[in-house]
Amino acid sequence: MKTLLTLFLLAFTLPATAQLLTEYDKQYHFAAGALVSAGTYTLVYAKTKSKKKALIYSVASSILIGTLKEIADSREKGNRFDKRDLLATTYGGLTIGVTFNLFTKKKP
């Protein structure tokens, strides 16, 4: 039931940014978020054996890294904080975090 509710709620947010990942820059941000999330999920799950903590930390780490990157970019002359870059990074982290969470088996 919880999974169906999550998918239902995501169905309303995805069409709003359907073309986000057609830009090469956003694809790099998505990949960076996915890499950070995968590494964080693996480390946290290895330490805690908690799928819930691993998911939360992996998504939060991709959001944090994306935010720090955009803050660094906004300090450059002629550049600004790009919310769409942050969104692409977050999507990458969320995609990998949820995927790992779904396919990680609980040990008896």
Protein backbone atom coordinates (compact mmCIF):
# COMPACT_ATOMS: atom_id res chain seq x y z
CA MET A 1 0.00 0.00 0.00
CA LYS A 2 2.80 2.39 0.91
CA THR A 3 4.52 1.69 -2.41
CA LEU A 4 1.35 2.39 -4.38
CA LEU A 5 0.82 5.67 -2.56
CA THR A 6 4.40 6.73 -3.27
CA LEU A 7 4.09 5.90 -6.96
CA PHE A 8 0.78 7.74 -7.14
CA LEU A 9 2.28 10.88 -5.61
CA LEU A 10 5.34 10.72 -7.86
CA ALA A 11 3.10 10.50 -10.92
CA PHE A 12 2.12 14.14 -10.42
CA THR A 13 5.67 15.48 -10.11
CA LEU A 14 7.39 13.68 -12.98
CA PRO A 15 5.54 15.28 -15.94
CA ALA A 16 6.43 18.74 -14.66
CA THR A 17 10.12 18.09 -15.32
CA ALA A 18 9.85 15.58 -18.13
CA GLN A 19 12.45 17.31 -20.28
CA LEU A 20 14.87 18.02 -17.46
CA LEU A 21 17.24 15.19 -18.32
CA THR A 22 17.43 15.92 -22.03
CA GLU A 23 20.13 18.53 -21.36
CA TYR A 24 23.68 17.15 -21.11
CA ASP A 25 24.49 19.27 -18.06
CA LYS A 26 21.52 17.83 -16.19
CA GLN A 27 22.54 14.30 -17.16
CA TYR A 28 25.92 14.87 -15.51
CA HIS A 29 24.20 16.15 -12.38
CA PHE A 30 21.92 13.10 -12.36
CA ALA A 31 24.94 10.79 -12.67
CA ALA A 32 26.80 12.62 -9.89
CA GLY A 33 23.78 12.31 -7.58
CA ALA A 34 23.49 8.63 -8.42
CA LEU A 35 27.18 7.98 -7.68
CA VAL A 36 27.11 9.83 -4.37
CA SER A 37 23.90 8.09 -3.37
CA ALA A 38 25.21 4.63 -4.29
CA GLY A 39 28.38 5.11 -2.27
CA THR A 40 26.53 6.48 0.73
CA TYR A 41 23.89 3.74 0.66
CA THR A 42 26.57 1.06 0.54
CA LEU A 43 28.55 2.53 3.42
CA VAL A 44 25.56 3.22 5.67
CA TYR A 45 23.96 -0.17 5.04
CA ALA A 46 27.26 -1.96 5.72
CA LYS A 47 27.57 -0.17 9.07
CA THR A 48 23.97 -0.20 10.29
CA LYS A 49 22.20 -3.00 8.38
CA SER A 50 19.20 -0.66 8.25
CA LYS A 51 17.59 -0.15 4.85
CA LYS A 52 15.64 2.85 6.13
CA LYS A 53 18.73 4.70 7.41
CA ALA A 54 20.66 3.84 4.27
CA LEU A 55 17.90 5.26 2.06
CA ILE A 56 17.56 8.47 4.07
CA TYR A 57 21.31 9.08 4.22
CA SER A 58 21.85 8.29 0.54
CA VAL A 59 19.18 10.71 -0.68
CA ALA A 60 20.22 13.37 1.83
CA SER A 61 23.84 13.09 0.74
CA SER A 62 22.96 13.67 -2.90
CA ILE A 63 20.89 16.72 -1.94
CA LEU A 64 23.73 18.03 0.21
CA ILE A 65 26.37 17.53 -2.48
CA GLY A 66 24.12 19.13 -5.10
CA THR A 67 23.46 22.13 -2.87
CA LEU A 68 27.15 22.60 -2.08
CA LYS A 69 28.02 22.40 -5.78
CA GLU A 70 25.43 25.00 -6.69
CA ILE A 71 26.55 27.31 -3.90
CA ALA A 72 30.11 27.03 -5.21
CA ASP A 73 28.88 27.74 -8.74
CA SER A 74 26.89 30.77 -7.63
CA ARG A 75 30.05 32.37 -6.25
CA GLU A 76 31.64 32.43 -9.69
CA LYS A 77 31.26 35.61 -11.67
CA GLY A 78 28.38 35.41 -14.14
CA ASN A 79 26.98 32.24 -12.63
CA ARG A 80 23.96 31.59 -10.41
CA PHE A 81 22.37 28.94 -8.20
CA ASP A 82 20.55 26.67 -10.64
CA LYS A 83 17.60 24.91 -9.01
CA ARG A 84 17.21 22.59 -11.99
CA ASP A 85 20.78 21.32 -11.53
CA LEU A 86 19.99 20.61 -7.89
CA LEU A 87 16.78 18.86 -8.93
CA ALA A 88 18.65 16.64 -11.39
CA THR A 89 21.21 15.72 -8.72
CA THR A 90 18.42 14.92 -6.29
CA TYR A 91 16.64 12.76 -8.87
CA GLY A 92 19.83 10.78 -9.39
CA GLY A 93 20.20 10.19 -5.66
CA LEU A 94 16.55 9.30 -5.23
CA THR A 95 16.60 6.88 -8.15
CA ILE A 96 19.59 4.93 -6.89
CA GLY A 97 18.54 5.09 -3.23
CA VAL A 98 15.09 3.68 -3.91
CA THR A 99 16.45 1.06 -6.32
CA PHE A 100 19.02 -0.16 -3.81
CA ASN A 101 16.38 -0.15 -1.09
CA LEU A 102 14.02 -2.28 -3.16
CA PHE A 103 16.63 -4.86 -4.13
CA THR A 104 18.59 -5.14 -0.88
CA LYS A 105 17.63 -8.41 0.75
CA LYS A 106 17.17 -8.66 4.47
CA LYS A 107 19.43 -11.23 6.05
CA PRO A 108 17.65 -13.71 8.33
